Amino acid sequence: MNKILQGLGDSGMNSFLVPLKFNKWMYRHRAAEVLIKTGFYSTAFAGEYLLYNLANQLGETIANTIFGPDNE
Protein backbone atom coordinates (compact mmCIF):
# COMPACT_ATOMS: atom_id res chain seq x y z
CA MET A 1 0.00 0.00 0.00
CA ASN A 2 2.84 2.39 0.82
CA LYS A 3 4.41 1.80 -2.61
CA ILE A 4 1.11 2.63 -4.33
CA LEU A 5 0.58 5.80 -2.29
CA GLN A 6 4.20 6.82 -2.78
CA GLY A 7 3.82 6.33 -6.53
CA LEU A 8 0.69 8.47 -6.55
CA GLY A 9 2.45 11.13 -4.48
CA ASP A 10 5.45 11.12 -6.80
CA SER A 11 3.12 11.64 -9.75
CA GLY A 12 1.58 14.69 -8.03
CA MET A 13 -1.68 13.04 -6.95
CA ASN A 14 -1.80 13.66 -3.19
CA SER A 15 -4.95 13.05 -1.18
CA PHE A 16 -3.96 15.83 1.20
CA LEU A 17 -0.80 17.74 1.97
CA VAL A 18 1.34 16.46 4.83
CA PRO A 19 4.17 18.64 6.15
CA LEU A 20 7.58 17.04 5.68
CA LYS A 21 8.38 17.22 9.40
CA PHE A 22 5.22 15.28 10.30
CA ASN A 23 5.80 12.80 7.47
CA LYS A 24 9.33 12.07 8.72
CA TRP A 25 8.06 11.69 12.28
CA MET A 26 5.45 9.15 11.13
CA TYR A 27 8.13 7.24 9.22
CA ARG A 28 10.25 6.95 12.38
CA HIS A 29 7.29 5.97 14.60
CA ARG A 30 5.59 3.10 12.79
CA ALA A 31 3.19 2.25 15.64
CA ALA A 32 1.87 5.82 15.66
CA GLU A 33 1.55 5.69 11.87
CA VAL A 34 -0.56 2.54 12.11
CA LEU A 35 -2.82 4.12 14.75
CA ILE A 36 -3.23 7.35 12.77
CA LYS A 37 -3.95 5.52 9.51
CA THR A 38 -6.37 3.13 11.22
CA GLY A 39 -8.25 6.06 12.70
CA PHE A 40 -8.28 7.91 9.39
CA TYR A 41 -9.54 4.96 7.34
CA SER A 42 -12.08 3.96 10.01
CA THR A 43 -13.46 7.50 10.05
CA ALA A 44 -13.56 7.62 6.26
CA PHE A 45 -15.39 4.28 6.12
CA ALA A 46 -17.89 5.37 8.78
CA GLY A 47 -18.53 8.61 6.89
CA GLU A 48 -19.08 6.73 3.64
CA TYR A 49 -21.46 4.32 5.39
CA LEU A 50 -23.45 7.20 6.90
CA LEU A 51 -23.63 9.03 3.56
CA TYR A 52 -24.85 5.83 1.87
CA ASN A 53 -27.61 5.41 4.46
CA LEU A 54 -28.57 9.08 4.20
CA ALA A 55 -28.79 8.85 0.39
CA ASN A 56 -30.87 5.67 0.69
CA GLN A 57 -33.31 7.30 3.12
CA LEU A 58 -33.52 10.41 0.96
CA GLY A 59 -34.25 8.27 -2.11
CA GLU A 60 -36.98 6.37 -0.27
CA THR A 61 -38.53 9.62 0.95
CA ILE A 62 -38.57 11.09 -2.56
CA ALA A 63 -40.00 7.87 -4.02
CA ASN A 64 -42.70 7.73 -1.34
CA THR A 65 -43.57 11.38 -1.98
CA ILE A 66 -43.90 10.86 -5.72
CA PHE A 67 -45.42 7.37 -5.87
CA GLY A 68 -46.99 7.05 -2.42
CA PRO A 69 -45.95 4.71 0.37
CA ASP A 70 -45.18 1.09 -0.47
CA ASN A 71 -48.10 -0.92 0.99
CA GLU A 72 -47.26 -4.49 0.12
PDB file of N, CA and C in Angstrom:
ATOM      1  N   MET A   1       0.824  -1.191   0.000  1.00  0.00           N
ATOM      2  CA  MET A   1       0.000   0.000   0.000  1.00  0.00           C
ATOM      3  C   MET A   1       0.870   1.257   0.000  1.00  0.00           C
ATOM      4  N   ASN A   2       1.955   1.227   0.767  1.00  0.00           N
ATOM      5  CA  ASN A   2       2.837   2.393   0.816  1.00  0.00           C
ATOM      6  C   ASN A   2       3.460   2.677  -0.548  1.00  0.00           C
ATOM      7  N   LYS A   3       3.808   1.620  -1.281  1.00  0.00           N
ATOM      8  CA  LYS A   3       4.412   1.800  -2.608  1.00  0.00           C
ATOM      9  C   LYS A   3       3.413   2.466  -3.558  1.00  0.00           C
ATOM     10  N   ILE A   4       2.139   2.047  -3.471  1.00  0.00           N
ATOM     11  CA  ILE A   4       1.107   2.633  -4.328  1.00  0.00           C
ATOM     12  C   ILE A   4       0.917   4.108  -3.990  1.00  0.00           C
ATOM     13  N   LEU A   5       0.780   4.413  -2.696  1.00  0.00           N
ATOM     14  CA  LEU A   5       0.583   5.801  -2.285  1.00  0.00           C
ATOM     15  C   LEU A   5       1.814   6.648  -2.601  1.00  0.00           C
ATOM     16  N   GLN A   6       2.986   6.075  -2.454  1.00  0.00           N
ATOM     17  CA  GLN A   6       4.196   6.819  -2.780  1.00  0.00           C
ATOM     18  C   GLN A   6       4.255   7.109  -4.279  1.00  0.00           C
ATOM     19  N   GLY A   7       3.855   6.123  -5.082  1.00  0.00           N
ATOM     20  CA  GLY A   7       3.824   6.332  -6.527  1.00  0.00           C
ATOM     21  C   GLY A   7       2.836   7.416  -6.920  1.00  0.00           C
ATOM     22  N   LEU A   8       1.672   7.425  -6.273  1.00  0.00           N
ATOM     23  CA  LEU A   8       0.693   8.474  -6.547  1.00  0.00           C
ATOM     24  C   LEU A   8       1.215   9.835  -6.102  1.00  0.00           C
ATOM     25  N   GLY A   9       1.886   9.870  -4.964  1.00  0.00           N
ATOM     26  CA  GLY A   9       2.454  11.128  -4.479  1.00  0.00           C
ATOM     27  C   GLY A   9       3.553  11.643  -5.390  1.00  0.00           C
ATOM     28  N   ASP A  10       4.379  10.724  -5.884  1.00  0.00           N
ATOM     29  CA  ASP A  10       5.446  11.124  -6.796  1.00  0.00           C
ATOM     30  C   ASP A  10       4.893  11.660  -8.110  1.00  0.00           C
ATOM     31  N   SER A  11       3.713  11.167  -8.495  1.00  0.00           N
ATOM     32  CA  SER A  11       3.117  11.643  -9.750  1.00  0.00           C
ATOM     33  C   SER A  11       2.347  12.952  -9.544  1.00  0.00           C
ATOM     34  N   GLY A  12       2.260  13.425  -8.306  1.00  0.00           N
ATOM     35  CA  GLY A  12       1.579  14.690  -8.033  1.00  0.00           C
ATOM     36  C   GLY A  12       0.147  14.529  -7.576  1.00  0.00           C
ATOM     37  N   MET A  13      -0.307  13.285  -7.397  1.00  0.00           N
ATOM     38  CA  MET A  13      -1.682  13.039  -6.952  1.00  0.00           C
ATOM     39  C   MET A  13      -1.683  12.769  -5.448  1.00  0.00           C
ATOM     40  N   ASN A  14      -1.775  13.800  -4.648  1.00  0.00           N
ATOM     41  CA  ASN A  14      -1.803  13.660  -3.194  1.00  0.00           C
ATOM     42  C   ASN A  14      -3.234  13.812  -2.697  1.00  0.00           C
ATOM     43  N   SER A  15      -3.616  12.944  -1.770  1.00  0.00           N
ATOM     44  CA  SER A  15      -4.946  13.050  -1.176  1.00  0.00           C
ATOM     45  C   SER A  15      -5.055  14.333  -0.363  1.00  0.00           C
ATOM     46  N   PHE A  16      -4.039  14.605   0.427  1.00  0.00           N
ATOM     47  CA  PHE A  16      -3.963  15.833   1.199  1.00  0.00           C
ATOM     48  C   PHE A  16      -2.495  16.104   1.490  1.00  0.00           C
ATOM     49  N   LEU A  17      -2.182  17.352   1.723  1.00  0.00           N
ATOM     50  CA  LEU A  17      -0.796  17.735   1.968  1.00  0.00           C
ATOM     51  C   LEU A  17      -0.381  17.389   3.393  1.00  0.00           C
ATOM     52  N   VAL A  18       0.783  16.805   3.521  1.00  0.00           N
ATOM     53  CA  VAL A  18       1.340  16.464   4.830  1.00  0.00           C
ATOM     54  C   VAL A  18       2.683  17.175   4.940  1.00  0.00           C
ATOM     55  N   PRO A  19       2.871  17.971   5.987  1.00  0.00           N
ATOM     56  CA  PRO A  19       4.166  18.640   6.153  1.00  0.00           C
ATOM     57  C   PRO A  19       5.299  17.622   6.271  1.00  0.00           C
ATOM     58  N   LEU A  20       6.434  17.952   5.715  1.00  0.00           N
ATOM     59  CA  LEU A  20       7.577  17.043   5.680  1.00  0.00           C
ATOM     60  C   LEU A  20       8.003  16.616   7.089  1.00  0.00           C
ATOM     61  N   LYS A  21       7.976  17.533   8.029  1.00  0.00           N
ATOM     62  CA  LYS A  21       8.384  17.215   9.402  1.00  0.00           C
ATOM     63  C   LYS A  21       7.483  16.134  10.005  1.00  0.00           C
ATOM     64  N   PHE A  22       6.173  16.274   9.790  1.00  0.00           N
ATOM     65  CA  PHE A  22       5.223  15.281  10.301  1.00  0.00           C
ATOM     66  C   PHE A  22       5.385  13.956   9.564  1.00  0.00           C
ATOM     67  N   ASN A  23       5.621  14.005   8.268  1.00  0.00           N
ATOM     68  CA  ASN A  23       5.802  12.804   7.470  1.00  0.00           C
ATOM     69  C   ASN A  23       7.023  12.022   7.940  1.00  0.00           C
ATOM     70  N   LYS A  24       8.126  12.731   8.211  1.00  0.00           N
ATOM     71  CA  LYS A  24       9.335  12.074   8.717  1.00  0.00           C
ATOM     72  C   LYS A  24       9.092  11.478  10.101  1.00  0.00           C
ATOM     73  N   TRP A  25       8.357  12.191  10.942  1.00  0.00           N
ATOM     74  CA  TRP A  25       8.057  11.692  12.279  1.00  0.00           C
ATOM     75  C   TRP A  25       7.252  10.397  12.188  1.00  0.00           C
ATOM     76  N   MET A  26       6.261  10.367  11.292  1.00  0.00           N
ATOM     77  CA  MET A  26       5.453   9.150  11.134  1.00  0.00           C
ATOM     78  C   MET A  26       6.299   8.000  10.608  1.00  0.00           C
ATOM     79  N   TYR A  27       7.262   8.287   9.746  1.00  0.00           N
ATOM     80  CA  TYR A  27       8.133   7.241   9.217  1.00  0.00           C
ATOM     81  C   TYR A  27       8.978   6.622  10.334  1.00  0.00           C
ATOM     82  N   ARG A  28       9.423   7.445  11.272  1.00  0.00           N
ATOM     83  CA  ARG A  28      10.247   6.954  12.379  1.00  0.00           C
ATOM     84  C   ARG A  28       9.429   6.247  13.447  1.00  0.00           C
ATOM     85  N   HIS A  29       8.153   6.546  13.564  1.00  0.00           N
ATOM     86  CA  HIS A  29       7.293   5.974  14.600  1.00  0.00           C
ATOM     87  C   HIS A  29       6.180   5.163  13.927  1.00  0.00           C
ATOM     88  N   ARG A  30       6.512   3.939  13.551  1.00  0.00           N
ATOM     89  CA  ARG A  30       5.587   3.100  12.786  1.00  0.00           C
ATOM     90  C   ARG A  30       4.305   2.777  13.554  1.00  0.00           C
ATOM     91  N   ALA A  31       4.388   2.568  14.866  1.00  0.00           N
ATOM     92  CA  ALA A  31       3.194   2.252  15.642  1.00  0.00           C
ATOM     93  C   ALA A  31       2.214   3.427  15.609  1.00  0.00           C
ATOM     94  N   ALA A  32       2.728   4.634  15.729  1.00  0.00           N
ATOM     95  CA  ALA A  32       1.868   5.817  15.658  1.00  0.00           C
ATOM     96  C   ALA A  32       1.270   5.950  14.264  1.00  0.00           C
ATOM     97  N   GLU A  33       2.058   5.626  13.247  1.00  0.00           N
ATOM     98  CA  GLU A  33       1.554   5.685  11.874  1.00  0.00           C
ATOM     99  C   GLU A  33       0.381   4.724  11.693  1.00  0.00           C
ATOM    100  N   VAL A  34       0.518   3.524  12.221  1.00  0.00           N
ATOM    101  CA  VAL A  34      -0.564   2.540  12.114  1.00  0.00           C
ATOM    102  C   VAL A  34      -1.820   3.041  12.820  1.00  0.00           C
ATOM    103  N   LEU A  35      -1.659   3.607  14.016  1.00  0.00           N
ATOM    104  CA  LEU A  35      -2.817   4.121  14.753  1.00  0.00           C
ATOM    105  C   LEU A  35      -3.478   5.282  14.012  1.00  0.00           C
ATOM    106  N   ILE A  36      -2.687   6.194  13.483  1.00  0.00           N
ATOM    107  CA  ILE A  36      -3.232   7.352  12.769  1.00  0.00           C
ATOM    108  C   ILE A  36      -3.951   6.902  11.501  1.00  0.00           C
ATOM    109  N   LYS A  37      -3.328   6.004  10.741  1.00  0.00           N
ATOM    110  CA  LYS A  37      -3.954   5.522   9.511  1.00  0.00           C
ATOM    111  C   LYS A  37      -5.206   4.709   9.797  1.00  0.00           C
ATOM    112  N   THR A  38      -5.186   3.898  10.856  1.00  0.00           N
ATOM    113  CA  THR A  38      -6.369   3.128  11.223  1.00  0.00           C
ATOM    114  C   THR A  38      -7.513   4.067  11.582  1.00  0.00           C
ATOM    115  N   GLY A  39      -7.226   5.089  12.350  1.00  0.00           N
ATOM    116  CA  GLY A  39      -8.254   6.065  12.703  1.00  0.00           C
ATOM    117  C   GLY A  39      -8.768   6.803  11.490  1.00  0.00           C
ATOM    118  N   PHE A  40      -7.878   7.178  10.590  1.00  0.00           N
ATOM    119  CA  PHE A  40      -8.279   7.907   9.388  1.00  0.00           C
ATOM    120  C   PHE A  40      -9.185   7.053   8.502  1.00  0.00           C
ATOM    121  N   TYR A  41      -8.752   5.821   8.216  1.00  0.00           N
ATOM    122  CA  TYR A  41      -9.545   4.963   7.337  1.00  0.00           C
ATOM    123  C   TYR A  41     -10.847   4.531   7.994  1.00  0.00           C
ATOM    124  N   SER A  42     -10.843   4.315   9.305  1.00  0.00           N
ATOM    125  CA  SER A  42     -12.082   3.964  10.008  1.00  0.00           C
ATOM    126  C   SER A  42     -13.083   5.111   9.940  1.00  0.00           C
ATOM    127  N   THR A  43     -12.589   6.322  10.132  1.00  0.00           N
ATOM    128  CA  THR A  43     -13.455   7.501  10.053  1.00  0.00           C
ATOM    129  C   THR A  43     -13.988   7.682   8.639  1.00  0.00           C
ATOM    130  N   ALA A  44     -13.131   7.486   7.653  1.00  0.00           N
ATOM    131  CA  ALA A  44     -13.559   7.625   6.262  1.00  0.00           C
ATOM    132  C   ALA A  44     -14.616   6.572   5.924  1.00  0.00           C
ATOM    133  N   PHE A  45     -14.419   5.334   6.376  1.00  0.00           N
ATOM    134  CA  PHE A  45     -15.391   4.277   6.119  1.00  0.00           C
ATOM    135  C   PHE A  45     -16.718   4.580   6.805  1.00  0.00           C
ATOM    136  N   ALA A  46     -16.663   5.037   8.052  1.00  0.00           N
ATOM    137  CA  ALA A  46     -17.893   5.370   8.777  1.00  0.00           C
ATOM    138  C   ALA A  46     -18.633   6.502   8.086  1.00  0.00           C
ATOM    139  N   GLY A  47     -17.908   7.503   7.606  1.00  0.00           N
ATOM    140  CA  GLY A  47     -18.533   8.609   6.893  1.00  0.00           C
ATOM    141  C   GLY A  47     -19.184   8.145   5.608  1.00  0.00           C
ATOM    142  N   GLU A  48     -18.511   7.265   4.884  1.00  0.00           N
ATOM    143  CA  GLU A  48     -19.084   6.734   3.645  1.00  0.00           C
ATOM    144  C   GLU A  48     -20.342   5.920   3.942  1.00  0.00           C
ATOM    145  N   TYR A  49     -20.303   5.128   4.996  1.00  0.00           N
ATOM    146  CA  TYR A  49     -21.463   4.319   5.386  1.00  0.00           C
ATOM    147  C   TYR A  49     -22.644   5.223   5.750  1.00  0.00           C
ATOM    148  N   LEU A  50     -22.377   6.277   6.511  1.00  0.00           N
ATOM    149  CA  LEU A  50     -23.453   7.198   6.902  1.00  0.00           C
ATOM    150  C   LEU A  50     -24.016   7.937   5.691  1.00  0.00           C
ATOM    151  N   LEU A  51     -23.156   8.365   4.771  1.00  0.00           N
ATOM    152  CA  LEU A  51     -23.634   9.027   3.556  1.00  0.00           C
ATOM    153  C   LEU A  51     -24.473   8.087   2.705  1.00  0.00           C
ATOM    154  N   TYR A  52     -24.077   6.817   2.631  1.00  0.00           N
ATOM    155  CA  TYR A  52     -24.852   5.829   1.873  1.00  0.00           C
ATOM    156  C   TYR A  52     -26.240   5.676   2.478  1.00  0.00           C
ATOM    157  N   ASN A  53     -26.301   5.551   3.803  1.00  0.00           N
ATOM    158  CA  ASN A  53     -27.607   5.413   4.458  1.00  0.00           C
ATOM    159  C   ASN A  53     -28.456   6.668   4.293  1.00  0.00           C
ATOM    160  N   LEU A  54     -27.839   7.831   4.384  1.00  0.00           N
ATOM    161  CA  LEU A  54     -28.568   9.085   4.198  1.00  0.00           C
ATOM    162  C   LEU A  54     -29.137   9.174   2.783  1.00  0.00           C
ATOM    163  N   ALA A  55     -28.317   8.823   1.786  1.00  0.00           N
ATOM    164  CA  ALA A  55     -28.786   8.850   0.394  1.00  0.00           C
ATOM    165  C   ALA A  55     -29.911   7.849   0.184  1.00  0.00           C
ATOM    166  N   ASN A  56     -29.823   6.689   0.810  1.00  0.00           N
ATOM    167  CA  ASN A  56     -30.868   5.673   0.690  1.00  0.00           C
ATOM    168  C   ASN A  56     -32.176   6.171   1.300  1.00  0.00           C
ATOM    169  N   GLN A  57     -32.105   6.774   2.472  1.00  0.00           N
ATOM    170  CA  GLN A  57     -33.305   7.304   3.119  1.00  0.00           C
ATOM    171  C   GLN A  57     -33.903   8.451   2.321  1.00  0.00           C
ATOM    172  N   LEU A  58     -33.051   9.301   1.775  1.00  0.00           N
ATOM    173  CA  LEU A  58     -33.524  10.408   0.957  1.00  0.00           C
ATOM    174  C   LEU A  58     -34.218   9.881  -0.296  1.00  0.00           C
ATOM    175  N   GLY A  59     -33.632   8.872  -0.933  1.00  0.00           N
ATOM    176  CA  GLY A  59     -34.249   8.271  -2.114  1.00  0.00           C
ATOM    177  C   GLY A  59     -35.593   7.654  -1.797  1.00  0.00           C
ATOM    178  N   GLU A  60     -35.702   6.961  -0.677  1.00  0.00           N
ATOM    179  CA  GLU A  60     -36.984   6.370  -0.274  1.00  0.00           C
ATOM    180  C   GLU A  60     -38.022   7.447  -0.001  1.00  0.00           C
ATOM    181  N   THR A  61     -37.608   8.522   0.647  1.00  0.00           N
ATOM    182  CA  THR A  61     -38.532   9.620   0.946  1.00  0.00           C
ATOM    183  C   THR A  61     -39.042  10.261  -0.342  1.00  0.00           C
ATOM    184  N   ILE A  62     -38.161  10.493  -1.282  1.00  0.00           N
ATOM    185  CA  ILE A  62     -38.573  11.085  -2.560  1.00  0.00           C
ATOM    186  C   ILE A  62     -39.502  10.132  -3.303  1.00  0.00           C
ATOM    187  N   ALA A  63     -39.152   8.852  -3.334  1.00  0.00           N
ATOM    188  CA  ALA A  63     -40.000   7.874  -4.025  1.00  0.00           C
ATOM    189  C   ALA A  63     -41.369   7.781  -3.361  1.00  0.00           C
ATOM    190  N   ASN A  64     -41.415   7.791  -2.035  1.00  0.00           N
ATOM    191  CA  ASN A  64     -42.699   7.730  -1.335  1.00  0.00           C
ATOM    192  C   ASN A  64     -43.517   8.989  -1.570  1.00  0.00           C
ATOM    193  N   THR A  65     -42.866  10.130  -1.703  1.00  0.00           N
ATOM    194  CA  THR A  65     -43.572  11.382  -1.976  1.00  0.00           C
ATOM    195  C   THR A  65     -44.172  11.365  -3.377  1.00  0.00           C
ATOM    196  N   ILE A  66     -43.425  10.856  -4.331  1.00  0.00           N
ATOM    197  CA  ILE A  66     -43.901  10.860  -5.725  1.00  0.00           C
ATOM    198  C   ILE A  66     -44.907   9.739  -5.961  1.00  0.00           C
ATOM    199  N   PHE A  67     -44.611   8.539  -5.525  1.00  0.00           N
ATOM    200  CA  PHE A  67     -45.423   7.375  -5.875  1.00  0.00           C
ATOM    201  C   PHE A  67     -46.327   6.903  -4.733  1.00  0.00           C
ATOM    202  N   GLY A  68     -46.214   7.487  -3.580  1.00  0.00           N
ATOM    203  CA  GLY A  68     -46.989   7.046  -2.421  1.00  0.00           C
ATOM    204  C   GLY A  68     -46.246   5.966  -1.666  1.00  0.00           C
ATOM    205  N   PRO A  69     -46.651   5.724  -0.436  1.00  0.00           N
ATOM    206  CA  PRO A  69     -45.947   4.712   0.370  1.00  0.00           C
ATOM    207  C   PRO A  69     -46.132   3.306  -0.220  1.00  0.00           C
ATOM    208  N   ASP A  70     -45.153   2.479   0.022  1.00  0.00           N
ATOM    209  CA  ASP A  70     -45.176   1.093  -0.467  1.00  0.00           C
ATOM    210  C   ASP A  70     -45.994   0.263   0.501  1.00  0.00           C
ATOM    211  N   ASN A  71     -47.190  -0.162   0.107  1.00  0.00           N
ATOM    212  CA  ASN A  71     -48.102  -0.919   0.987  1.00  0.00           C
ATOM    213  C   ASN A  71     -48.238  -2.351   0.492  1.00  0.00           C
ATOM    214  N   GLU A  72     -47.197  -3.106   0.572  1.00  0.00           N
ATOM    215  CA  GLU A  72     -47.258  -4.494   0.120  1.00  0.00           C
ATOM    216  C   GLU A  72     -47.630  -5.409   1.252  1.00  0.00           C
TER     217      GLU A  72
END
